Amino acid sequence: MSMAVFGFYYAATPAAGATMLSRIHYGFALLGVLAMAPGIAIVATGGAESGIQVIDLSDPTNPTGVASAIDGANGFDQLGLAWGVDTFVIGDKTYAIVVAKVNHVTNDFTAAGIQVIDLSDPANPTAVASRNEGDPGFEDFAKAIAVDTFIISDKTYAIVPIMNDDGLRVIDLSDPANPT
């Protein structure tokens, strides 16, 4: 579940918004670096080894790293300075979408992109698709700052705020291998 959902709840329920838990959720929402799926957390790591970490939370008292993926390896080409992550489910598969601030192909810090990852086997995250700044439908994607997923009817979408043009992009994720 995205931290943005908690933001709406806290805004609508001021008493809940005054709790320490709400401040923690708000911090993660601002950072956009954590997404939850049943039993796992996905953390975007935007440092020297940009990528994701998959953490098993089946025993909350003993969180355990089970997998990672880094930019430029094993088909992952849009995890450079990974900045935001969210999860979504289509059919019986769990996916993550990650927004990145660096285009791995061009090593351009003004470009960005998205990476779609199959997390159905949390120990083996698999790159499914990516889109780069300038791909059709992904023009002016520089400085993407977060991502959140939502469903309308039977379609899954991602919404990505773009800092460069004070705008946002909506991405259709209904076919995870072909985000548009």
C-alpha atoms as a PDB file:
ATOM      1  CA  MET A   1       0.000   0.000   0.000  1.00  0.00           C
ATOM      2  CA  SER A   2       1.301   3.417  -0.863  1.00  0.00           C
ATOM      3  CA  MET A   3       2.072   5.914   1.873  1.00  0.00           C
ATOM      4  CA  ALA A   4      -0.063   8.438  -0.042  1.00  0.00           C
ATOM      5  CA  VAL A   5      -3.175   6.574   1.100  1.00  0.00           C
ATOM      6  CA  PHE A   6      -2.196   7.278   4.700  1.00  0.00           C
ATOM      7  CA  GLY A   7      -1.739  10.942   3.784  1.00  0.00           C
ATOM      8  CA  PHE A   8      -5.355  11.186   2.626  1.00  0.00           C
ATOM      9  CA  TYR A   9      -6.543   9.453   5.808  1.00  0.00           C
ATOM     10  CA  TYR A  10      -4.529  11.741   8.083  1.00  0.00           C
ATOM     11  CA  ALA A  11      -5.754  14.839   6.252  1.00  0.00           C
ATOM     12  CA  ALA A  12      -9.378  13.694   6.659  1.00  0.00           C
ATOM     13  CA  THR A  13      -8.891  12.609  10.295  1.00  0.00           C
ATOM     14  CA  PRO A  14      -6.950  15.317  12.164  1.00  0.00           C
ATOM     15  CA  ALA A  15      -6.721  13.321  15.425  1.00  0.00           C
ATOM     16  CA  ALA A  16      -4.989  10.467  13.599  1.00  0.00           C
ATOM     17  CA  GLY A  17      -2.733  12.942  11.812  1.00  0.00           C
ATOM     18  CA  ALA A  18      -1.323  14.128  15.151  1.00  0.00           C
ATOM     19  CA  THR A  19       0.234  10.751  16.018  1.00  0.00           C
ATOM     20  CA  MET A  20       3.886   9.696  15.790  1.00  0.00           C
ATOM     21  CA  LEU A  21       2.900   6.978  13.312  1.00  0.00           C
ATOM     22  CA  SER A  22       1.472   9.609  10.978  1.00  0.00           C
ATOM     23  CA  ARG A  23       4.761  11.527  11.126  1.00  0.00           C
ATOM     24  CA  ILE A  24       6.667   8.362  10.191  1.00  0.00           C
ATOM     25  CA  HIS A  25       4.306   7.663   7.301  1.00  0.00           C
ATOM     26  CA  TYR A  26       4.591  11.274   6.183  1.00  0.00           C
ATOM     27  CA  GLY A  27       8.391  11.050   6.211  1.00  0.00           C
ATOM     28  CA  PHE A  28       8.381   7.942   4.053  1.00  0.00           C
ATOM     29  CA  ALA A  29       5.804   9.499   1.719  1.00  0.00           C
ATOM     30  CA  LEU A  30       8.055  12.528   1.268  1.00  0.00           C
ATOM     31  CA  LEU A  31      11.040  10.327   0.563  1.00  0.00           C
ATOM     32  CA  GLY A  32       9.052   8.001  -1.668  1.00  0.00           C
ATOM     33  CA  VAL A  33      11.542   5.252  -0.981  1.00  0.00           C
ATOM     34  CA  LEU A  34       9.426   2.512   0.539  1.00  0.00           C
ATOM     35  CA  ALA A  35       6.608   0.397  -0.848  1.00  0.00           C
ATOM     36  CA  MET A  36       4.842  -2.509   0.778  1.00  0.00           C
ATOM     37  CA  ALA A  37       3.446  -5.700  -0.682  1.00  0.00           C
ATOM     38  CA  PRO A  38       2.078  -8.628   1.341  1.00  0.00           C
ATOM     39  CA  GLY A  39       4.971  -9.848   3.487  1.00  0.00           C
ATOM     40  CA  ILE A  40       7.670  -7.752   1.798  1.00  0.00           C
ATOM     41  CA  ALA A  41       8.995  -4.213   1.621  1.00  0.00           C
ATOM     42  CA  ILE A  42      10.747  -2.741  -1.402  1.00  0.00           C
ATOM     43  CA  VAL A  43      13.218   0.041  -0.680  1.00  0.00           C
ATOM     44  CA  ALA A  44      14.662   2.307  -3.366  1.00  0.00           C
ATOM     45  CA  THR A  45      18.376   2.855  -2.823  1.00  0.00           C
ATOM     46  CA  GLY A  46      19.669   5.884  -4.682  1.00  0.00           C
ATOM     47  CA  GLY A  47      23.280   5.881  -3.539  1.00  0.00           C
ATOM     48  CA  ALA A  48      26.448   4.523  -5.126  1.00  0.00           C
ATOM     49  CA  GLU A  49      24.722   1.236  -5.955  1.00  0.00           C
ATOM     50  CA  SER A  50      21.411   2.609  -7.150  1.00  0.00           C
ATOM     51  CA  GLY A  51      18.680   0.018  -7.156  1.00  0.00           C
ATOM     52  CA  ILE A  52      16.200  -1.711  -4.900  1.00  0.00           C
ATOM     53  CA  GLN A  53      16.333  -3.919  -1.832  1.00  0.00           C
ATOM     54  CA  VAL A  54      13.620  -6.510  -1.168  1.00  0.00           C
ATOM     55  CA  ILE A  55      13.034  -7.197   2.517  1.00  0.00           C
ATOM     56  CA  ASP A  56      11.078 -10.162   3.911  1.00  0.00           C
ATOM     57  CA  LEU A  57       8.704  -8.983   6.642  1.00  0.00           C
ATOM     58  CA  SER A  58       6.949 -12.292   7.301  1.00  0.00           C
ATOM     59  CA  ASP A  59       8.501 -12.108  10.783  1.00  0.00           C
ATOM     60  CA  PRO A  60       8.241  -8.398  11.656  1.00  0.00           C
ATOM     61  CA  THR A  61      10.658  -8.855  14.563  1.00  0.00           C
ATOM     62  CA  ASN A  62      13.339 -10.098  12.165  1.00  0.00           C
ATOM     63  CA  PRO A  63      13.253  -8.234   8.823  1.00  0.00           C
ATOM     64  CA  THR A  64      15.557 -10.000   6.386  1.00  0.00           C
ATOM     65  CA  GLY A  65      17.013  -8.830   3.087  1.00  0.00           C
ATOM     66  CA  VAL A  66      16.186 -11.448   0.459  1.00  0.00           C
ATOM     67  CA  ALA A  67      17.187  -9.805  -2.815  1.00  0.00           C
ATOM     68  CA  SER A  68      18.481  -6.704  -4.489  1.00  0.00           C
ATOM     69  CA  ALA A  69      18.781  -5.315  -7.979  1.00  0.00           C
ATOM     70  CA  ILE A  70      21.206  -2.632  -9.118  1.00  0.00           C
ATOM     71  CA  ASP A  71      21.192  -0.313 -12.087  1.00  0.00           C
ATOM     72  CA  GLY A  72      23.004  -1.655 -15.121  1.00  0.00           C
ATOM     73  CA  ALA A  73      22.822  -5.352 -14.213  1.00  0.00           C
ATOM     74  CA  ASN A  74      20.523  -8.222 -15.230  1.00  0.00           C
ATOM     75  CA  GLY A  75      18.254  -6.124 -17.435  1.00  0.00           C
ATOM     76  CA  PHE A  76      17.744  -3.342 -14.884  1.00  0.00           C
ATOM     77  CA  ASP A  77      18.489  -0.138 -16.768  1.00  0.00           C
ATOM     78  CA  GLN A  78      16.368   2.497 -15.014  1.00  0.00           C
ATOM     79  CA  LEU A  79      17.398   2.332 -11.372  1.00  0.00           C
ATOM     80  CA  GLY A  80      19.997   5.128 -11.461  1.00  0.00           C
ATOM     81  CA  LEU A  81      19.406   7.224  -8.355  1.00  0.00           C
ATOM     82  CA  ALA A  82      16.196   5.308  -7.691  1.00  0.00           C
ATOM     83  CA  TRP A  83      13.932   7.824  -6.049  1.00  0.00           C
ATOM     84  CA  GLY A  84      10.400   6.505  -5.718  1.00  0.00           C
ATOM     85  CA  VAL A  85       8.788   3.073  -5.645  1.00  0.00           C
ATOM     86  CA  ASP A  86       5.285   1.649  -5.407  1.00  0.00           C
ATOM     87  CA  THR A  87       3.755  -1.792  -5.855  1.00  0.00           C
ATOM     88  CA  PHE A  88       0.737  -3.066  -7.736  1.00  0.00           C
ATOM     89  CA  VAL A  89      -0.895  -6.412  -8.470  1.00  0.00           C
ATOM     90  CA  ILE A  90      -2.152  -7.648 -11.837  1.00  0.00           C
ATOM     91  CA  GLY A  91      -3.679 -11.106 -11.853  1.00  0.00           C
ATOM     92  CA  ASP A  92      -1.605 -13.242  -9.506  1.00  0.00           C
ATOM     93  CA  LYS A  93       1.623 -11.247  -9.933  1.00  0.00           C
ATOM     94  CA  THR A  94       3.038  -8.479  -7.769  1.00  0.00           C
ATOM     95  CA  TYR A  95       5.020  -5.740  -9.489  1.00  0.00           C
ATOM     96  CA  ALA A  96       6.931  -2.642  -8.467  1.00  0.00           C
ATOM     97  CA  ILE A  97       7.394   0.550 -10.431  1.00  0.00           C
ATOM     98  CA  VAL A  98      10.494   2.605  -9.666  1.00  0.00           C
ATOM     99  CA  VAL A  99      11.234   6.139 -10.829  1.00  0.00           C
ATOM    100  CA  ALA A 100      14.885   6.959 -11.330  1.00  0.00           C
ATOM    101  CA  LYS A 101      16.662  10.274 -11.660  1.00  0.00           C
ATOM    102  CA  VAL A 102      19.538   9.132 -13.875  1.00  0.00           C
ATOM    103  CA  ASN A 103      19.250   7.563 -17.320  1.00  0.00           C
ATOM    104  CA  HIS A 104      21.641   4.577 -17.168  1.00  0.00           C
ATOM    105  CA  VAL A 105      21.955   4.387 -20.953  1.00  0.00           C
ATOM    106  CA  THR A 106      23.127   7.999 -21.370  1.00  0.00           C
ATOM    107  CA  ASN A 107      24.375   8.612 -17.790  1.00  0.00           C
ATOM    108  CA  ASP A 108      22.394  11.858 -17.971  1.00  0.00           C
ATOM    109  CA  PHE A 109      21.452  13.376 -14.614  1.00  0.00           C
ATOM    110  CA  THR A 110      18.792  15.592 -16.219  1.00  0.00           C
ATOM    111  CA  ALA A 111      16.968  12.591 -17.630  1.00  0.00           C
ATOM    112  CA  ALA A 112      14.935  10.012 -15.812  1.00  0.00           C
ATOM    113  CA  GLY A 113      12.824   6.978 -16.366  1.00  0.00           C
ATOM    114  CA  ILE A 114      10.833   4.145 -14.878  1.00  0.00           C
ATOM    115  CA  GLN A 115      11.572   0.498 -14.248  1.00  0.00           C
ATOM    116  CA  VAL A 116       8.817  -2.125 -13.904  1.00  0.00           C
ATOM    117  CA  ILE A 117       9.845  -5.133 -11.813  1.00  0.00           C
ATOM    118  CA  ASP A 118       8.140  -8.498 -11.324  1.00  0.00           C
ATOM    119  CA  LEU A 119       8.214  -9.327  -7.596  1.00  0.00           C
ATOM    120  CA  SER A 120       6.155 -12.520  -7.755  1.00  0.00           C
ATOM    121  CA  ASP A 121       9.227 -14.339  -6.482  1.00  0.00           C
ATOM    122  CA  PRO A 122      10.647 -11.815  -3.978  1.00  0.00           C
ATOM    123  CA  ALA A 123      14.005 -13.607  -3.896  1.00  0.00           C
ATOM    124  CA  ASN A 124      14.384 -13.099  -7.664  1.00  0.00           C
ATOM    125  CA  PRO A 125      13.125  -9.673  -8.781  1.00  0.00           C
ATOM    126  CA  THR A 126      12.932  -9.558 -12.560  1.00  0.00           C
ATOM    127  CA  ALA A 127      13.129  -6.535 -14.865  1.00  0.00           C
ATOM    128  CA  VAL A 128       9.964  -6.488 -16.981  1.00  0.00           C
ATOM    129  CA  ALA A 129      10.103  -3.131 -18.761  1.00  0.00           C
ATOM    130  CA  SER A 130      11.651   0.311 -18.637  1.00  0.00           C
ATOM    131  CA  ARG A 131      11.029   3.655 -20.243  1.00  0.00           C
ATOM    132  CA  ASN A 132      13.594   6.421 -20.655  1.00  0.00           C
ATOM    133  CA  GLU A 133      13.277  10.177 -20.837  1.00  0.00           C
ATOM    134  CA  GLY A 134      12.373  10.948 -24.446  1.00  0.00           C
ATOM    135  CA  ASP A 135      10.676   7.638 -25.272  1.00  0.00           C
ATOM    136  CA  PRO A 136       7.256   8.203 -26.882  1.00  0.00           C
ATOM    137  CA  GLY A 137       4.891   9.301 -24.116  1.00  0.00           C
ATOM    138  CA  PHE A 138       7.804   9.901 -21.738  1.00  0.00           C
ATOM    139  CA  GLU A 139       8.998  13.257 -23.011  1.00  0.00           C
ATOM    140  CA  ASP A 140       9.841  15.867 -20.359  1.00  0.00           C
ATOM    141  CA  PHE A 141      10.240  13.176 -17.733  1.00  0.00           C
ATOM    142  CA  ALA A 142      13.287  14.793 -16.124  1.00  0.00           C
ATOM    143  CA  LYS A 143      13.245  15.117 -12.358  1.00  0.00           C
ATOM    144  CA  ALA A 144      10.467  12.663 -11.665  1.00  0.00           C
ATOM    145  CA  ILE A 145      10.149  12.858  -7.899  1.00  0.00           C
ATOM    146  CA  ALA A 146       7.755  10.112  -6.767  1.00  0.00           C
ATOM    147  CA  VAL A 147       5.314   7.465  -7.952  1.00  0.00           C
ATOM    148  CA  ASP A 148       1.962   6.179  -6.755  1.00  0.00           C
ATOM    149  CA  THR A 149      -0.290   3.541  -8.308  1.00  0.00           C
ATOM    150  CA  PHE A 150      -4.063   3.417  -8.513  1.00  0.00           C
ATOM    151  CA  ILE A 151      -6.837   1.483 -10.254  1.00  0.00           C
ATOM    152  CA  ILE A 152      -9.740   2.829 -12.296  1.00  0.00           C
ATOM    153  CA  SER A 153     -12.207   0.183 -13.474  1.00  0.00           C
ATOM    154  CA  ASP A 154      -9.945  -2.689 -14.546  1.00  0.00           C
ATOM    155  CA  LYS A 155      -6.857  -0.645 -15.428  1.00  0.00           C
ATOM    156  CA  THR A 156      -3.818   0.014 -13.264  1.00  0.00           C
ATOM    157  CA  TYR A 157      -2.068   3.371 -13.533  1.00  0.00           C
ATOM    158  CA  ALA A 158       0.896   5.164 -12.020  1.00  0.00           C
ATOM    159  CA  ILE A 159       0.986   8.880 -11.366  1.00  0.00           C
ATOM    160  CA  VAL A 160       4.408  10.539 -11.403  1.00  0.00           C
ATOM    161  CA  PRO A 161       4.930  14.181 -10.365  1.00  0.00           C
ATOM    162  CA  ILE A 162       7.534  15.944 -12.517  1.00  0.00           C
ATOM    163  CA  MET A 163       9.491  18.746 -10.870  1.00  0.00           C
ATOM    164  CA  ASN A 164      10.923  20.303 -14.063  1.00  0.00           C
ATOM    165  CA  ASP A 165       7.597  21.425 -15.508  1.00  0.00           C
ATOM    166  CA  ASP A 166       5.487  21.446 -12.329  1.00  0.00           C
ATOM    167  CA  GLY A 167       3.383  18.744 -13.893  1.00  0.00           C
ATOM    168  CA  LEU A 168       2.697  15.059 -13.703  1.00  0.00           C
ATOM    169  CA  ARG A 169       2.484  12.020 -15.912  1.00  0.00           C
ATOM    170  CA  VAL A 170      -0.063   9.241 -15.806  1.00  0.00           C
ATOM    171  CA  ILE A 171       1.235   5.865 -16.987  1.00  0.00           C
ATOM    172  CA  ASP A 172      -0.971   2.918 -17.947  1.00  0.00           C
ATOM    173  CA  LEU A 173       0.496  -0.186 -16.272  1.00  0.00           C
ATOM    174  CA  SER A 174      -2.269  -2.602 -17.257  1.00  0.00           C
ATOM    175  CA  ASP A 175       0.291  -4.411 -19.438  1.00  0.00           C
ATOM    176  CA  PRO A 176       3.393  -4.309 -17.190  1.00  0.00           C
ATOM    177  CA  ALA A 177       5.652  -5.311 -20.094  1.00  0.00           C
ATOM    178  CA  ASN A 178       4.460  -2.296 -22.093  1.00  0.00           C
ATOM    179  CA  PRO A 179       3.841   0.760 -19.895  1.00  0.00           C
ATOM    180  CA  THR A 180       2.333   3.637 -21.879  1.00  0.00           C
END
